[in-house]
């Protein structure tokens, strides 16, 4: 059995912080990193789909594909603050947990 946390566990642990950080990072860094506005929109879409899915598993494949593309696989730019870096680290963890939940070998649910 895997010790990897489920998507639900990661979501519950990280979404409250992401909901606070993402808009602030967009405001602070959006001028020099306009791609972060796309990150902000994609996170909002992920959040909305997750909330409306209730107990069902949300389909977030497209959002995570776009998020990886926009963020260059969560590569942190050299000229940003720790909050920007933290957001990318958290989003990468959420993405990883979601992808693991799709794995047919995963014995744990989302």
C-alpha atoms as a PDB file:
ATOM      1  CA  UNK A   1       0.000   0.000   0.000  1.00  0.00           C
ATOM      2  CA  UNK A   2       1.294   3.445  -0.925  1.00  0.00           C
ATOM      3  CA  UNK A   3       2.074   6.119   1.637  1.00  0.00           C
ATOM      4  CA  UNK A   4       1.308   8.777  -0.940  1.00  0.00           C
ATOM      5  CA  UNK A   5      -1.504  11.061   0.201  1.00  0.00           C
ATOM      6  CA  UNK A   6      -4.743  10.997  -1.759  1.00  0.00           C
ATOM      7  CA  UNK A   7      -5.888  13.885  -3.902  1.00  0.00           C
ATOM      8  CA  UNK A   8      -8.556  14.693  -1.319  1.00  0.00           C
ATOM      9  CA  UNK A   9      -5.981  14.805   1.488  1.00  0.00           C
ATOM     10  CA  UNK A  10      -3.653  17.052  -0.502  1.00  0.00           C
ATOM     11  CA  UNK A  11      -6.526  19.267  -1.634  1.00  0.00           C
ATOM     12  CA  UNK A  12      -7.807  19.693   1.918  1.00  0.00           C
ATOM     13  CA  UNK A  13      -4.304  20.453   3.194  1.00  0.00           C
ATOM     14  CA  UNK A  14      -3.219  22.888   0.474  1.00  0.00           C
ATOM     15  CA  UNK A  15      -6.267  24.585  -1.048  1.00  0.00           C
ATOM     16  CA  UNK A  16      -6.863  26.972   1.881  1.00  0.00           C
ATOM     17  CA  UNK A  17      -3.300  28.313   1.581  1.00  0.00           C
ATOM     18  CA  UNK A  18      -3.463  28.394  -2.216  1.00  0.00           C
ATOM     19  CA  UNK A  19      -6.722  30.355  -2.057  1.00  0.00           C
ATOM     20  CA  UNK A  20      -4.857  33.006  -0.055  1.00  0.00           C
ATOM     21  CA  UNK A  21      -1.526  33.008  -1.908  1.00  0.00           C
ATOM     22  CA  UNK A  22      -2.547  32.744  -5.569  1.00  0.00           C
ATOM     23  CA  UNK A  23      -4.398  36.101  -5.809  1.00  0.00           C
ATOM     24  CA  UNK A  24      -1.633  37.888  -3.896  1.00  0.00           C
ATOM     25  CA  UNK A  25       1.126  36.424  -6.067  1.00  0.00           C
ATOM     26  CA  UNK A  26      -0.873  37.362  -9.182  1.00  0.00           C
ATOM     27  CA  UNK A  27      -1.176  40.939  -7.934  1.00  0.00           C
ATOM     28  CA  UNK A  28       2.476  41.254  -6.905  1.00  0.00           C
ATOM     29  CA  UNK A  29       4.125  39.400  -9.806  1.00  0.00           C
ATOM     30  CA  UNK A  30       1.546  39.611 -12.589  1.00  0.00           C
ATOM     31  CA  UNK A  31       3.146  42.629 -14.253  1.00  0.00           C
ATOM     32  CA  UNK A  32       6.537  40.942 -14.668  1.00  0.00           C
ATOM     33  CA  UNK A  33       5.121  37.431 -15.018  1.00  0.00           C
ATOM     34  CA  UNK A  34       1.845  37.740 -16.943  1.00  0.00           C
ATOM     35  CA  UNK A  35       1.677  33.935 -17.222  1.00  0.00           C
ATOM     36  CA  UNK A  36       0.802  33.883 -13.540  1.00  0.00           C
ATOM     37  CA  UNK A  37      -2.578  35.412 -14.383  1.00  0.00           C
ATOM     38  CA  UNK A  38      -3.226  32.198 -16.351  1.00  0.00           C
ATOM     39  CA  UNK A  39      -2.091  30.184 -13.331  1.00  0.00           C
ATOM     40  CA  UNK A  40      -4.580  32.171 -11.245  1.00  0.00           C
ATOM     41  CA  UNK A  41      -7.433  31.476 -13.681  1.00  0.00           C
ATOM     42  CA  UNK A  42      -6.563  27.783 -13.906  1.00  0.00           C
ATOM     43  CA  UNK A  43      -6.389  27.430 -10.135  1.00  0.00           C
ATOM     44  CA  UNK A  44      -9.804  29.090  -9.873  1.00  0.00           C
ATOM     45  CA  UNK A  45     -11.167  26.617 -12.445  1.00  0.00           C
ATOM     46  CA  UNK A  46      -9.691  23.682 -10.503  1.00  0.00           C
ATOM     47  CA  UNK A  47     -11.132  25.025  -7.273  1.00  0.00           C
ATOM     48  CA  UNK A  48     -14.583  25.537  -8.814  1.00  0.00           C
ATOM     49  CA  UNK A  49     -14.682  22.072 -10.402  1.00  0.00           C
ATOM     50  CA  UNK A  50     -13.546  20.494  -7.152  1.00  0.00           C
ATOM     51  CA  UNK A  51     -16.199  22.306  -5.134  1.00  0.00           C
ATOM     52  CA  UNK A  52     -19.014  21.497  -7.548  1.00  0.00           C
ATOM     53  CA  UNK A  53     -17.959  17.840  -7.879  1.00  0.00           C
ATOM     54  CA  UNK A  54     -18.996  17.290  -4.259  1.00  0.00           C
ATOM     55  CA  UNK A  55     -18.190  13.630  -3.575  1.00  0.00           C
ATOM     56  CA  UNK A  56     -17.589  12.740  -7.222  1.00  0.00           C
ATOM     57  CA  UNK A  57     -14.125  12.809  -8.747  1.00  0.00           C
ATOM     58  CA  UNK A  58     -13.656  16.042 -10.734  1.00  0.00           C
ATOM     59  CA  UNK A  59     -12.193  15.884 -14.239  1.00  0.00           C
ATOM     60  CA  UNK A  60      -9.189  18.185 -13.965  1.00  0.00           C
ATOM     61  CA  UNK A  61      -6.994  16.716 -16.697  1.00  0.00           C
ATOM     62  CA  UNK A  62      -7.244  19.699 -19.035  1.00  0.00           C
ATOM     63  CA  UNK A  63      -6.597  22.224 -16.267  1.00  0.00           C
ATOM     64  CA  UNK A  64      -3.475  20.404 -15.089  1.00  0.00           C
ATOM     65  CA  UNK A  65      -2.194  19.992 -18.660  1.00  0.00           C
ATOM     66  CA  UNK A  66      -2.593  23.745 -19.188  1.00  0.00           C
ATOM     67  CA  UNK A  67      -1.125  24.532 -15.774  1.00  0.00           C
ATOM     68  CA  UNK A  68       1.997  22.486 -16.496  1.00  0.00           C
ATOM     69  CA  UNK A  69       2.373  24.214 -19.873  1.00  0.00           C
ATOM     70  CA  UNK A  70       1.867  27.753 -18.527  1.00  0.00           C
ATOM     71  CA  UNK A  71       4.198  27.209 -15.569  1.00  0.00           C
ATOM     72  CA  UNK A  72       6.829  25.283 -17.540  1.00  0.00           C
ATOM     73  CA  UNK A  73       6.218  22.279 -15.272  1.00  0.00           C
ATOM     74  CA  UNK A  74       6.153  24.457 -12.166  1.00  0.00           C
ATOM     75  CA  UNK A  75       9.550  26.016 -12.850  1.00  0.00           C
ATOM     76  CA  UNK A  76      10.069  28.932 -10.466  1.00  0.00           C
ATOM     77  CA  UNK A  77      11.440  32.103 -12.115  1.00  0.00           C
ATOM     78  CA  UNK A  78      14.642  33.525 -10.625  1.00  0.00           C
ATOM     79  CA  UNK A  79      13.192  36.929  -9.744  1.00  0.00           C
ATOM     80  CA  UNK A  80      10.227  35.999  -7.551  1.00  0.00           C
ATOM     81  CA  UNK A  81       9.474  35.748  -3.845  1.00  0.00           C
ATOM     82  CA  UNK A  82       9.104  32.682  -1.665  1.00  0.00           C
ATOM     83  CA  UNK A  83       5.310  32.862  -1.918  1.00  0.00           C
ATOM     84  CA  UNK A  84       5.482  32.418  -5.691  1.00  0.00           C
ATOM     85  CA  UNK A  85       7.776  29.436  -5.185  1.00  0.00           C
ATOM     86  CA  UNK A  86       5.465  28.019  -2.501  1.00  0.00           C
ATOM     87  CA  UNK A  87       2.465  28.291  -4.839  1.00  0.00           C
ATOM     88  CA  UNK A  88       4.256  26.333  -7.556  1.00  0.00           C
ATOM     89  CA  UNK A  89       5.374  23.694  -5.049  1.00  0.00           C
ATOM     90  CA  UNK A  90       1.835  23.312  -3.716  1.00  0.00           C
ATOM     91  CA  UNK A  91       0.302  23.181  -7.194  1.00  0.00           C
ATOM     92  CA  UNK A  92       2.833  20.522  -8.201  1.00  0.00           C
ATOM     93  CA  UNK A  93       1.839  18.443  -5.153  1.00  0.00           C
ATOM     94  CA  UNK A  94      -1.852  18.779  -6.001  1.00  0.00           C
ATOM     95  CA  UNK A  95      -1.145  17.835  -9.619  1.00  0.00           C
ATOM     96  CA  UNK A  96       0.933  14.830  -8.565  1.00  0.00           C
ATOM     97  CA  UNK A  97      -1.764  13.602  -6.172  1.00  0.00           C
ATOM     98  CA  UNK A  98      -4.425  14.042  -8.861  1.00  0.00           C
ATOM     99  CA  UNK A  99      -2.371  12.139 -11.431  1.00  0.00           C
ATOM    100  CA  UNK A 100      -1.748   9.353  -8.891  1.00  0.00           C
ATOM    101  CA  UNK A 101      -5.502   9.121  -8.321  1.00  0.00           C
ATOM    102  CA  UNK A 102      -5.930   8.344 -12.017  1.00  0.00           C
ATOM    103  CA  UNK A 103      -3.418   5.516 -11.980  1.00  0.00           C
ATOM    104  CA  UNK A 104      -5.056   2.107 -12.410  1.00  0.00           C
ATOM    105  CA  UNK A 105      -2.491   0.705  -9.955  1.00  0.00           C
ATOM    106  CA  UNK A 106      -3.561   3.163  -7.284  1.00  0.00           C
ATOM    107  CA  UNK A 107      -5.371   1.244  -4.592  1.00  0.00           C
ATOM    108  CA  UNK A 108      -6.506   4.411  -2.884  1.00  0.00           C
ATOM    109  CA  UNK A 109      -9.330   6.619  -4.029  1.00  0.00           C
ATOM    110  CA  UNK A 110      -9.137  10.335  -4.574  1.00  0.00           C
END
